[in-house]
Amino acid sequence: MFTIEHEFDATVITLVDEGSAPLQEDVVINGFAECVTLEQFDPRTDRVVTITLSPSQLRELAAALDLPEGVYRLKPSEKGAQDTE
């Protein structure tokens, strides 16, 4: 399950782990104009861990989800979409 909320300066997506145990803590994704942050509570340290991605890292992550093992670089295509080389 996930939720989407539009706030003043960000879009916030929360991913809720459902199903059989063991379940992971919720992941909160904050989409800002200049970056995307991923936050998850770590019960081992009793702290929230934050990872910050630049827009280009986010595009590369999205492309990587559908590609086989290898080394890639995204390059702009003529229509504004991203191609891999």
N, C-alpha and C. Protein backbone atom coordinates (compact mmCIF):
# COMPACT_ATOMS: atom_id res chain seq x y z
N MET A 1 0.85 -1.16 0.00
CA MET A 1 0.00 0.00 0.00
C MET A 1 0.90 1.23 0.00
N PHE A 2 0.43 2.31 -0.61
CA PHE A 2 1.17 3.56 -0.58
C PHE A 2 0.21 4.73 -0.56
N THR A 3 0.71 5.86 -0.06
CA THR A 3 -0.08 7.09 -0.06
C THR A 3 0.71 8.16 -0.80
N ILE A 4 -0.01 9.14 -1.36
CA ILE A 4 0.59 10.29 -2.03
C ILE A 4 -0.05 11.54 -1.47
N GLU A 5 0.78 12.48 -1.03
CA GLU A 5 0.30 13.75 -0.51
C GLU A 5 1.08 14.87 -1.18
N HIS A 6 0.38 15.92 -1.58
CA HIS A 6 1.03 17.09 -2.17
C HIS A 6 1.07 18.18 -1.12
N GLU A 7 2.29 18.53 -0.71
CA GLU A 7 2.47 19.60 0.26
C GLU A 7 2.98 20.85 -0.44
N PHE A 8 3.21 21.90 0.31
CA PHE A 8 3.61 23.19 -0.27
C PHE A 8 4.86 23.07 -1.13
N ASP A 9 5.91 22.42 -0.61
CA ASP A 9 7.18 22.39 -1.34
C ASP A 9 7.61 20.99 -1.77
N ALA A 10 6.75 19.99 -1.58
CA ALA A 10 7.16 18.62 -1.91
C ALA A 10 5.95 17.74 -2.16
N THR A 11 6.20 16.67 -2.90
CA THR A 11 5.25 15.57 -2.99
C THR A 11 5.78 14.48 -2.08
N VAL A 12 4.93 13.96 -1.20
CA VAL A 12 5.35 12.97 -0.22
C VAL A 12 4.64 11.64 -0.53
N ILE A 13 5.44 10.61 -0.77
CA ILE A 13 4.92 9.27 -1.01
C ILE A 13 5.37 8.40 0.15
N THR A 14 4.45 7.66 0.73
CA THR A 14 4.78 6.74 1.82
C THR A 14 4.47 5.33 1.36
N LEU A 15 5.49 4.46 1.41
CA LEU A 15 5.34 3.06 1.05
C LEU A 15 5.18 2.25 2.33
N VAL A 16 4.08 1.51 2.45
CA VAL A 16 3.79 0.72 3.63
C VAL A 16 3.98 -0.75 3.27
N ASP A 17 4.86 -1.43 4.01
CA ASP A 17 5.12 -2.85 3.77
C ASP A 17 3.96 -3.67 4.33
N GLU A 18 3.31 -4.44 3.49
CA GLU A 18 2.18 -5.28 3.90
C GLU A 18 2.48 -6.73 3.57
N GLY A 19 1.80 -7.62 4.20
CA GLY A 19 1.98 -9.03 3.89
C GLY A 19 2.45 -9.80 5.11
N SER A 20 3.14 -10.89 4.84
CA SER A 20 3.58 -11.73 5.94
C SER A 20 4.88 -11.20 6.53
N ALA A 21 5.07 -11.52 7.80
CA ALA A 21 6.28 -11.08 8.52
C ALA A 21 7.50 -11.76 7.94
N PRO A 22 8.69 -11.20 8.00
CA PRO A 22 8.98 -9.95 8.68
C PRO A 22 8.70 -8.75 7.78
N LEU A 23 8.09 -7.74 8.36
CA LEU A 23 7.77 -6.52 7.62
C LEU A 23 8.84 -5.47 7.87
N GLN A 24 9.07 -4.62 6.88
CA GLN A 24 10.02 -3.52 6.99
C GLN A 24 9.28 -2.26 7.42
N GLU A 25 10.01 -1.30 7.96
CA GLU A 25 9.43 -0.01 8.33
C GLU A 25 8.97 0.73 7.08
N ASP A 26 8.02 1.66 7.25
CA ASP A 26 7.54 2.48 6.13
C ASP A 26 8.71 3.25 5.51
N VAL A 27 8.62 3.48 4.21
CA VAL A 27 9.59 4.31 3.49
C VAL A 27 8.85 5.58 3.07
N VAL A 28 9.41 6.74 3.43
CA VAL A 28 8.82 8.02 3.07
C VAL A 28 9.71 8.66 2.02
N ILE A 29 9.13 8.99 0.87
CA ILE A 29 9.85 9.60 -0.24
C ILE A 29 9.35 11.03 -0.38
N ASN A 30 10.29 11.99 -0.26
CA ASN A 30 9.96 13.41 -0.40
C ASN A 30 10.53 13.91 -1.72
N GLY A 31 9.66 14.32 -2.62
CA GLY A 31 10.09 14.83 -3.92
C GLY A 31 10.10 16.35 -3.93
N PHE A 32 11.30 16.93 -3.93
CA PHE A 32 11.47 18.38 -4.01
C PHE A 32 11.94 18.73 -5.42
N ALA A 33 11.97 20.00 -5.77
CA ALA A 33 12.45 20.43 -7.09
C ALA A 33 13.92 20.09 -7.29
N GLU A 34 14.73 20.19 -6.23
CA GLU A 34 16.18 20.03 -6.37
C GLU A 34 16.70 18.66 -5.96
N CYS A 35 15.87 17.84 -5.30
CA CYS A 35 16.32 16.51 -4.87
C CYS A 35 15.14 15.66 -4.44
N VAL A 36 15.43 14.39 -4.21
CA VAL A 36 14.46 13.45 -3.65
C VAL A 36 15.11 12.80 -2.44
N THR A 37 14.38 12.75 -1.32
CA THR A 37 14.91 12.08 -0.15
C THR A 37 14.09 10.83 0.15
N LEU A 38 14.77 9.79 0.62
CA LEU A 38 14.13 8.57 1.07
C LEU A 38 14.44 8.44 2.54
N GLU A 39 13.41 8.24 3.36
CA GLU A 39 13.59 8.13 4.80
C GLU A 39 12.97 6.83 5.30
N GLN A 40 13.67 6.17 6.23
CA GLN A 40 13.14 4.96 6.85
C GLN A 40 13.67 4.86 8.27
N PHE A 41 12.79 4.53 9.20
CA PHE A 41 13.18 4.35 10.58
C PHE A 41 13.98 3.06 10.70
N ASP A 42 15.12 3.14 11.40
CA ASP A 42 15.96 1.96 11.65
C ASP A 42 15.80 1.58 13.12
N PRO A 43 15.06 0.49 13.40
CA PRO A 43 14.83 0.11 14.80
C PRO A 43 16.10 -0.31 15.53
N ARG A 44 17.14 -0.71 14.79
CA ARG A 44 18.40 -1.12 15.44
C ARG A 44 19.09 0.07 16.08
N THR A 45 19.01 1.25 15.42
CA THR A 45 19.67 2.44 15.95
C THR A 45 18.69 3.44 16.55
N ASP A 46 17.38 3.15 16.41
CA ASP A 46 16.32 4.03 16.90
C ASP A 46 16.41 5.43 16.27
N ARG A 47 16.80 5.46 14.98
CA ARG A 47 16.94 6.72 14.25
C ARG A 47 16.35 6.57 12.85
N VAL A 48 16.00 7.70 12.26
CA VAL A 48 15.54 7.72 10.86
C VAL A 48 16.77 7.89 9.98
N VAL A 49 16.90 7.02 8.97
CA VAL A 49 18.00 7.10 8.02
C VAL A 49 17.47 7.82 6.78
N THR A 50 18.25 8.79 6.28
CA THR A 50 17.85 9.57 5.10
C THR A 50 18.88 9.40 4.00
N ILE A 51 18.40 9.17 2.80
CA ILE A 51 19.23 9.11 1.60
C ILE A 51 18.73 10.21 0.67
N THR A 52 19.65 11.00 0.12
CA THR A 52 19.29 12.09 -0.79
C THR A 52 19.80 11.77 -2.20
N LEU A 53 18.90 11.85 -3.18
CA LEU A 53 19.24 11.61 -4.58
C LEU A 53 19.05 12.90 -5.38
N SER A 54 19.97 13.16 -6.29
CA SER A 54 19.79 14.27 -7.22
C SER A 54 18.78 13.85 -8.30
N PRO A 55 18.25 14.80 -9.05
CA PRO A 55 17.33 14.42 -10.13
C PRO A 55 17.97 13.44 -11.12
N SER A 56 19.25 13.61 -11.44
CA SER A 56 19.88 12.68 -12.39
C SER A 56 20.05 11.29 -11.78
N GLN A 57 20.34 11.20 -10.50
CA GLN A 57 20.43 9.89 -9.86
C GLN A 57 19.07 9.19 -9.85
N LEU A 58 18.01 9.95 -9.64
CA LEU A 58 16.67 9.38 -9.65
C LEU A 58 16.31 8.85 -11.04
N ARG A 59 16.65 9.61 -12.09
CA ARG A 59 16.40 9.14 -13.46
C ARG A 59 17.18 7.86 -13.74
N GLU A 60 18.44 7.81 -13.29
CA GLU A 60 19.25 6.61 -13.50
C GLU A 60 18.69 5.42 -12.73
N LEU A 61 18.22 5.65 -11.52
CA LEU A 61 17.61 4.56 -10.75
C LEU A 61 16.38 4.02 -11.45
N ALA A 62 15.53 4.91 -11.95
CA ALA A 62 14.32 4.47 -12.66
C ALA A 62 14.68 3.66 -13.90
N ALA A 63 15.70 4.09 -14.64
CA ALA A 63 16.13 3.34 -15.84
C ALA A 63 16.74 2.00 -15.45
N ALA A 64 17.49 1.98 -14.36
CA ALA A 64 18.19 0.75 -13.95
C ALA A 64 17.24 -0.36 -13.56
N LEU A 65 16.05 -0.02 -13.12
CA LEU A 65 15.10 -1.05 -12.69
C LEU A 65 14.69 -1.97 -13.84
N ASP A 66 14.81 -1.51 -15.09
CA ASP A 66 14.38 -2.29 -16.24
C ASP A 66 15.52 -2.78 -17.12
N LEU A 67 16.75 -2.69 -16.64
CA LEU A 67 17.90 -3.06 -17.47
C LEU A 67 18.62 -4.28 -16.90
N PRO A 68 19.27 -5.05 -17.77
CA PRO A 68 20.06 -6.19 -17.29
C PRO A 68 21.39 -5.71 -16.68
N GLU A 69 22.12 -6.63 -16.11
CA GLU A 69 23.42 -6.33 -15.52
C GLU A 69 24.32 -5.65 -16.54
N GLY A 70 25.09 -4.65 -16.12
CA GLY A 70 26.00 -3.95 -17.02
C GLY A 70 26.32 -2.56 -16.52
N VAL A 71 27.03 -1.80 -17.33
CA VAL A 71 27.38 -0.41 -17.03
C VAL A 71 26.71 0.47 -18.07
N TYR A 72 26.02 1.51 -17.61
CA TYR A 72 25.22 2.33 -18.52
C TYR A 72 25.44 3.81 -18.23
N ARG A 73 25.16 4.65 -19.21
CA ARG A 73 25.10 6.10 -19.05
C ARG A 73 23.86 6.56 -19.80
N LEU A 74 23.02 7.37 -19.14
CA LEU A 74 21.85 7.90 -19.82
C LEU A 74 22.26 9.07 -20.69
N LYS A 75 21.68 9.13 -21.87
CA LYS A 75 21.91 10.27 -22.75
C LYS A 75 20.57 10.80 -23.20
N PRO A 76 20.43 12.11 -23.36
CA PRO A 76 19.15 12.67 -23.79
C PRO A 76 18.81 12.25 -25.22
N SER A 77 17.56 11.95 -25.45
CA SER A 77 17.12 11.63 -26.81
C SER A 77 16.52 12.88 -27.44
N GLU A 78 16.16 12.79 -28.70
CA GLU A 78 15.63 13.95 -29.43
C GLU A 78 14.28 14.39 -28.88
N LYS A 79 13.50 13.48 -28.31
CA LYS A 79 12.16 13.81 -27.85
C LYS A 79 12.13 14.14 -26.35
N GLY A 80 13.28 14.26 -25.71
CA GLY A 80 13.31 14.61 -24.30
C GLY A 80 13.35 13.41 -23.36
N ALA A 81 13.09 12.22 -23.88
CA ALA A 81 13.17 11.02 -23.06
C ALA A 81 14.63 10.64 -22.91
N GLN A 82 14.90 9.65 -22.10
CA GLN A 82 16.27 9.22 -21.86
C GLN A 82 16.54 7.90 -22.59
N ASP A 83 17.68 7.83 -23.26
CA ASP A 83 18.16 6.60 -23.86
C ASP A 83 19.39 6.16 -23.11
N THR A 84 19.70 4.86 -23.17
CA THR A 84 20.93 4.37 -22.53
C THR A 84 21.95 4.06 -23.59
N GLU A 85 23.20 4.14 -23.19
CA GLU A 85 24.28 3.79 -24.12
C GLU A 85 25.17 2.78 -23.45
